[in-house]
Amino acid sequence: MTLTRRTFSISSGAALLAGFTTARAQSDGKIILGQSAAFTGPAAQLGIQFYQGAKLYFDRANAQGGMGRQQIEILRLDDGYEPARCAENTQKLMANDVFALFGYIGTPTSAVALPMATREKIPFIAPFTGAMALREPFNRYAFHIRASYNDETALIVKQLTNMG
C-alpha cells in the first residue's frame, strides 16, 4: 500500500483514537466523537463535507471491526458557524461524555471550544482551521491534521518562487 498524505492523516487519527481508548473508555462498546460544526448557514458545506468524509471512513472501519472492537460514532450538532452556539453545543457534547471533540469547522468556533475541552481534559481532534492561536502555546489536548496558515503560506511562496 502506498503511503499518501491522506492515508497518513487518517491512520494517525485512528492511532490516536486507539491510544485514548484506555484513558477515556466509553460504555456500550462505542467510541463517541462529538462534533459541533456548521451544517446550516454560509459555511454549511464545509461542515457537511467534513462530516460525510469522516463518517464514510468510520463506517468502513466499523465494518472491519471498529477500533479495538469498539464502533466509532459521531454525535453532531449544528452551530451555524456561530461561536455562541458552538459553546452551547460543546457543553452538551461534554455532558454526554463524548470520548473526544472532533472535526470542528473554523477558527471562531474552535477558539471557543478548545479551552472548554482543555479544562475538561478531552481530546480536541482535527479542527478544520490553520489558525496559530489554536497551536501556540502548545496544547496537549489539541491534535491538528491540517497545516497551519503559516505553513501553507510559506509553501505557496516557495512554490511561486520556484516557478519564477
C-alpha atoms as a PDB file:
ATOM      1  CA  MET A   1       0.000   0.000   0.000  1.00  0.00           C
ATOM      2  CA  THR A   2       1.314   3.438  -0.935  1.00  0.00           C
ATOM      3  CA  LEU A   3       1.505   5.904   1.932  1.00  0.00           C
ATOM      4  CA  THR A   4      -0.185   9.133   0.882  1.00  0.00           C
ATOM      5  CA  ARG A   5      -0.812  12.221   2.979  1.00  0.00           C
ATOM      6  CA  ARG A   6      -4.471  11.245   3.238  1.00  0.00           C
ATOM      7  CA  THR A   7      -3.627   7.702   4.357  1.00  0.00           C
ATOM      8  CA  PHE A   8      -1.080   9.045   6.824  1.00  0.00           C
ATOM      9  CA  SER A   9      -3.555  11.564   8.281  1.00  0.00           C
ATOM     10  CA  ILE A  10      -6.333   9.020   8.612  1.00  0.00           C
ATOM     11  CA  SER A  11      -4.008   6.396  10.073  1.00  0.00           C
ATOM     12  CA  SER A  12      -2.589   8.918  12.535  1.00  0.00           C
ATOM     13  CA  GLY A  13      -6.087   9.859  13.662  1.00  0.00           C
ATOM     14  CA  ALA A  14      -7.037   6.203  14.051  1.00  0.00           C
ATOM     15  CA  ALA A  15      -3.886   5.503  16.048  1.00  0.00           C
ATOM     16  CA  LEU A  16      -4.662   8.499  18.217  1.00  0.00           C
ATOM     17  CA  LEU A  17      -8.160   7.200  18.880  1.00  0.00           C
ATOM     18  CA  ALA A  18      -6.764   3.786  19.727  1.00  0.00           C
ATOM     19  CA  GLY A  19      -4.343   5.293  22.221  1.00  0.00           C
ATOM     20  CA  PHE A  20      -7.019   7.216  24.069  1.00  0.00           C
ATOM     21  CA  THR A  21      -9.481   4.348  24.446  1.00  0.00           C
ATOM     22  CA  THR A  22      -7.847   3.187  27.653  1.00  0.00           C
ATOM     23  CA  ALA A  23      -7.664   6.689  29.062  1.00  0.00           C
ATOM     24  CA  ARG A  24     -11.288   7.576  28.368  1.00  0.00           C
ATOM     25  CA  ALA A  25     -13.279   4.410  27.858  1.00  0.00           C
ATOM     26  CA  GLN A  26     -16.960   4.568  26.998  1.00  0.00           C
ATOM     27  CA  SER A  27     -19.696   2.079  27.600  1.00  0.00           C
ATOM     28  CA  ASP A  28     -21.693   0.077  25.072  1.00  0.00           C
ATOM     29  CA  GLY A  29     -18.617  -0.840  23.034  1.00  0.00           C
ATOM     30  CA  LYS A  30     -18.682   2.525  21.264  1.00  0.00           C
ATOM     31  CA  ILE A  31     -16.307   5.419  20.815  1.00  0.00           C
ATOM     32  CA  ILE A  32     -18.471   8.505  20.525  1.00  0.00           C
ATOM     33  CA  LEU A  33     -16.926  11.606  18.990  1.00  0.00           C
ATOM     34  CA  GLY A  34     -18.692  14.925  19.477  1.00  0.00           C
ATOM     35  CA  GLN A  35     -18.794  17.372  16.594  1.00  0.00           C
ATOM     36  CA  SER A  36     -20.150  20.893  16.598  1.00  0.00           C
ATOM     37  CA  ALA A  37     -19.945  22.287  13.086  1.00  0.00           C
ATOM     38  CA  ALA A  38     -21.785  24.398  10.559  1.00  0.00           C
ATOM     39  CA  PHE A  39     -24.467  22.272   8.943  1.00  0.00           C
ATOM     40  CA  THR A  40     -26.542  25.339   8.062  1.00  0.00           C
ATOM     41  CA  GLY A  41     -25.569  28.851   7.034  1.00  0.00           C
ATOM     42  CA  PRO A  42     -22.772  30.174   4.813  1.00  0.00           C
ATOM     43  CA  ALA A  43     -20.166  27.620   5.946  1.00  0.00           C
ATOM     44  CA  ALA A  44     -22.554  24.650   5.843  1.00  0.00           C
ATOM     45  CA  GLN A  45     -20.795  22.837   3.002  1.00  0.00           C
ATOM     46  CA  LEU A  46     -17.545  22.729   4.993  1.00  0.00           C
ATOM     47  CA  GLY A  47     -19.298  21.054   7.910  1.00  0.00           C
ATOM     48  CA  ILE A  48     -21.391  18.741   5.751  1.00  0.00           C
ATOM     49  CA  GLN A  49     -18.467  17.575   3.612  1.00  0.00           C
ATOM     50  CA  PHE A  50     -16.151  17.081   6.611  1.00  0.00           C
ATOM     51  CA  TYR A  51     -18.807  15.042   8.412  1.00  0.00           C
ATOM     52  CA  GLN A  52     -19.630  12.928   5.352  1.00  0.00           C
ATOM     53  CA  GLY A  53     -15.958  12.152   4.713  1.00  0.00           C
ATOM     54  CA  ALA A  54     -15.308  11.214   8.332  1.00  0.00           C
ATOM     55  CA  LYS A  55     -18.485   9.139   8.531  1.00  0.00           C
ATOM     56  CA  LEU A  56     -17.559   7.284   5.358  1.00  0.00           C
ATOM     57  CA  TYR A  57     -14.166   6.390   6.807  1.00  0.00           C
ATOM     58  CA  PHE A  58     -15.536   5.434  10.230  1.00  0.00           C
ATOM     59  CA  ASP A  59     -18.276   3.311   8.623  1.00  0.00           C
ATOM     60  CA  ARG A  60     -15.546   1.428   6.762  1.00  0.00           C
ATOM     61  CA  ALA A  61     -13.521   0.989   9.957  1.00  0.00           C
ATOM     62  CA  ASN A  62     -16.645  -0.166  11.819  1.00  0.00           C
ATOM     63  CA  ALA A  63     -17.410  -2.726   9.097  1.00  0.00           C
ATOM     64  CA  GLN A  64     -13.925  -4.147   9.704  1.00  0.00           C
ATOM     65  CA  GLY A  65     -14.490  -4.499  13.433  1.00  0.00           C
ATOM     66  CA  GLY A  66     -14.115  -0.915  14.626  1.00  0.00           C
ATOM     67  CA  MET A  67     -11.246   0.431  16.682  1.00  0.00           C
ATOM     68  CA  GLY A  68     -10.180  -2.070  19.303  1.00  0.00           C
ATOM     69  CA  ARG A  69     -13.505  -3.853  18.752  1.00  0.00           C
ATOM     70  CA  GLN A  70     -15.395  -0.642  19.527  1.00  0.00           C
ATOM     71  CA  GLN A  71     -17.640   1.039  16.990  1.00  0.00           C
ATOM     72  CA  ILE A  72     -16.961   4.702  16.218  1.00  0.00           C
ATOM     73  CA  GLU A  73     -19.919   7.086  16.096  1.00  0.00           C
ATOM     74  CA  ILE A  74     -20.155  10.829  15.545  1.00  0.00           C
ATOM     75  CA  LEU A  75     -22.671  12.773  17.599  1.00  0.00           C
ATOM     76  CA  ARG A  76     -23.062  16.006  15.659  1.00  0.00           C
ATOM     77  CA  LEU A  77     -24.716  19.308  16.462  1.00  0.00           C
ATOM     78  CA  ASP A  78     -25.229  22.315  14.183  1.00  0.00           C
ATOM     79  CA  ASP A  79     -23.620  25.568  15.298  1.00  0.00           C
ATOM     80  CA  GLY A  80     -24.157  27.506  12.051  1.00  0.00           C
ATOM     81  CA  TYR A  81     -20.533  28.747  12.381  1.00  0.00           C
ATOM     82  CA  GLU A  82     -21.578  30.851  15.379  1.00  0.00           C
ATOM     83  CA  PRO A  83     -19.244  30.804  18.425  1.00  0.00           C
ATOM     84  CA  ALA A  84     -22.046  31.175  20.996  1.00  0.00           C
ATOM     85  CA  ARG A  85     -23.974  28.212  19.558  1.00  0.00           C
ATOM     86  CA  CYS A  86     -20.721  26.254  19.377  1.00  0.00           C
ATOM     87  CA  ALA A  87     -20.079  26.872  23.082  1.00  0.00           C
ATOM     88  CA  GLU A  88     -23.587  25.609  23.940  1.00  0.00           C
ATOM     89  CA  ASN A  89     -23.118  22.566  21.707  1.00  0.00           C
ATOM     90  CA  THR A  90     -19.713  21.808  23.186  1.00  0.00           C
ATOM     91  CA  GLN A  91     -21.167  21.923  26.676  1.00  0.00           C
ATOM     92  CA  LYS A  92     -23.929  19.492  25.604  1.00  0.00           C
ATOM     93  CA  LEU A  93     -21.410  17.144  23.972  1.00  0.00           C
ATOM     94  CA  MET A  94     -19.190  17.117  27.052  1.00  0.00           C
ATOM     95  CA  ALA A  95     -22.258  16.493  29.238  1.00  0.00           C
ATOM     96  CA  ASN A  96     -22.924  13.425  27.048  1.00  0.00           C
ATOM     97  CA  ASP A  97     -19.431  12.209  27.980  1.00  0.00           C
ATOM     98  CA  VAL A  98     -18.060  12.075  24.438  1.00  0.00           C
ATOM     99  CA  PHE A  99     -14.672  10.449  24.041  1.00  0.00           C
ATOM    100  CA  ALA A 100     -13.292  13.444  22.113  1.00  0.00           C
ATOM    101  CA  LEU A 101     -14.379  16.609  20.371  1.00  0.00           C
ATOM    102  CA  PHE A 102     -13.802  16.088  16.670  1.00  0.00           C
ATOM    103  CA  GLY A 103     -13.976  17.922  13.360  1.00  0.00           C
ATOM    104  CA  TYR A 104     -14.866  21.419  14.491  1.00  0.00           C
ATOM    105  CA  ILE A 105     -15.063  23.740  11.493  1.00  0.00           C
ATOM    106  CA  GLY A 106     -13.380  27.152  11.523  1.00  0.00           C
ATOM    107  CA  THR A 107     -11.322  29.390  13.757  1.00  0.00           C
ATOM    108  CA  PRO A 108     -14.056  31.296  15.649  1.00  0.00           C
ATOM    109  CA  THR A 109     -15.826  28.151  16.822  1.00  0.00           C
ATOM    110  CA  SER A 110     -12.662  26.174  17.523  1.00  0.00           C
ATOM    111  CA  ALA A 111     -11.264  29.095  19.534  1.00  0.00           C
ATOM    112  CA  VAL A 112     -14.314  28.883  21.814  1.00  0.00           C
ATOM    113  CA  ALA A 113     -14.320  25.081  22.111  1.00  0.00           C
ATOM    114  CA  LEU A 114     -10.626  24.321  22.627  1.00  0.00           C
ATOM    115  CA  PRO A 115     -10.370  25.997  26.070  1.00  0.00           C
ATOM    116  CA  MET A 116     -13.504  24.123  27.139  1.00  0.00           C
ATOM    117  CA  ALA A 117     -12.007  20.803  26.006  1.00  0.00           C
ATOM    118  CA  THR A 118      -8.719  21.616  27.716  1.00  0.00           C
ATOM    119  CA  ARG A 119     -10.442  22.397  31.020  1.00  0.00           C
ATOM    120  CA  GLU A 120     -12.211  19.034  30.910  1.00  0.00           C
ATOM    121  CA  LYS A 121      -9.113  17.191  29.581  1.00  0.00           C
ATOM    122  CA  ILE A 122     -10.983  15.996  26.496  1.00  0.00           C
ATOM    123  CA  PRO A 123      -9.028  15.480  23.251  1.00  0.00           C
ATOM    124  CA  PHE A 124      -9.786  18.080  20.562  1.00  0.00           C
ATOM    125  CA  ILE A 125      -9.132  16.235  17.309  1.00  0.00           C
ATOM    126  CA  ALA A 126      -8.928  17.504  13.720  1.00  0.00           C
ATOM    127  CA  PRO A 127     -10.240  21.063  13.910  1.00  0.00           C
ATOM    128  CA  PHE A 128     -10.603  22.403  10.361  1.00  0.00           C
ATOM    129  CA  THR A 129      -8.550  25.549  10.829  1.00  0.00           C
ATOM    130  CA  GLY A 130      -4.946  26.574  10.396  1.00  0.00           C
ATOM    131  CA  ALA A 131      -5.007  29.379  12.965  1.00  0.00           C
ATOM    132  CA  MET A 132      -1.846  29.786  15.028  1.00  0.00           C
ATOM    133  CA  ALA A 133      -3.932  30.863  18.038  1.00  0.00           C
ATOM    134  CA  LEU A 134      -5.009  27.212  18.358  1.00  0.00           C
ATOM    135  CA  ARG A 135      -1.426  25.929  18.074  1.00  0.00           C
ATOM    136  CA  GLU A 136       0.543  28.325  20.272  1.00  0.00           C
ATOM    137  CA  PRO A 137       1.118  27.837  23.067  1.00  0.00           C
ATOM    138  CA  PHE A 138       1.285  24.061  22.696  1.00  0.00           C
ATOM    139  CA  ASN A 139      -1.827  22.275  23.972  1.00  0.00           C
ATOM    140  CA  ARG A 140      -1.521  18.584  24.719  1.00  0.00           C
ATOM    141  CA  TYR A 141      -5.252  18.044  24.078  1.00  0.00           C
ATOM    142  CA  ALA A 142      -5.251  19.557  20.553  1.00  0.00           C
ATOM    143  CA  PHE A 143      -4.466  17.261  17.614  1.00  0.00           C
ATOM    144  CA  HIS A 144      -4.235  19.057  14.282  1.00  0.00           C
ATOM    145  CA  ILE A 145      -4.249  17.230  10.968  1.00  0.00           C
ATOM    146  CA  ARG A 146      -4.319  20.389   8.863  1.00  0.00           C
ATOM    147  CA  ALA A 147      -1.230  22.512   8.282  1.00  0.00           C
ATOM    148  CA  SER A 148      -1.108  25.924   9.903  1.00  0.00           C
ATOM    149  CA  TYR A 149      -1.845  29.010   7.806  1.00  0.00           C
ATOM    150  CA  ASN A 150       1.803  29.988   8.309  1.00  0.00           C
ATOM    151  CA  ASP A 151       2.996  26.663   6.861  1.00  0.00           C
ATOM    152  CA  GLU A 152       0.519  26.850   3.977  1.00  0.00           C
ATOM    153  CA  THR A 153       1.604  30.395   3.101  1.00  0.00           C
ATOM    154  CA  ALA A 154       5.307  29.524   3.307  1.00  0.00           C
ATOM    155  CA  LEU A 155       4.834  26.622   0.880  1.00  0.00           C
ATOM    156  CA  ILE A 156       2.783  28.755  -1.527  1.00  0.00           C
ATOM    157  CA  VAL A 157       5.525  31.402  -1.574  1.00  0.00           C
ATOM    158  CA  LYS A 158       8.199  28.724  -2.028  1.00  0.00           C
ATOM    159  CA  GLN A 159       6.274  27.175  -4.938  1.00  0.00           C
ATOM    160  CA  LEU A 160       5.731  30.539  -6.615  1.00  0.00           C
ATOM    161  CA  THR A 161       9.400  31.410  -6.157  1.00  0.00           C
ATOM    162  CA  ASN A 162      10.486  28.086  -7.654  1.00  0.00           C
ATOM    163  CA  MET A 163       8.160  28.612 -10.634  1.00  0.00           C
ATOM    164  CA  GLY A 164       9.686  32.031 -11.276  1.00  0.00           C
END
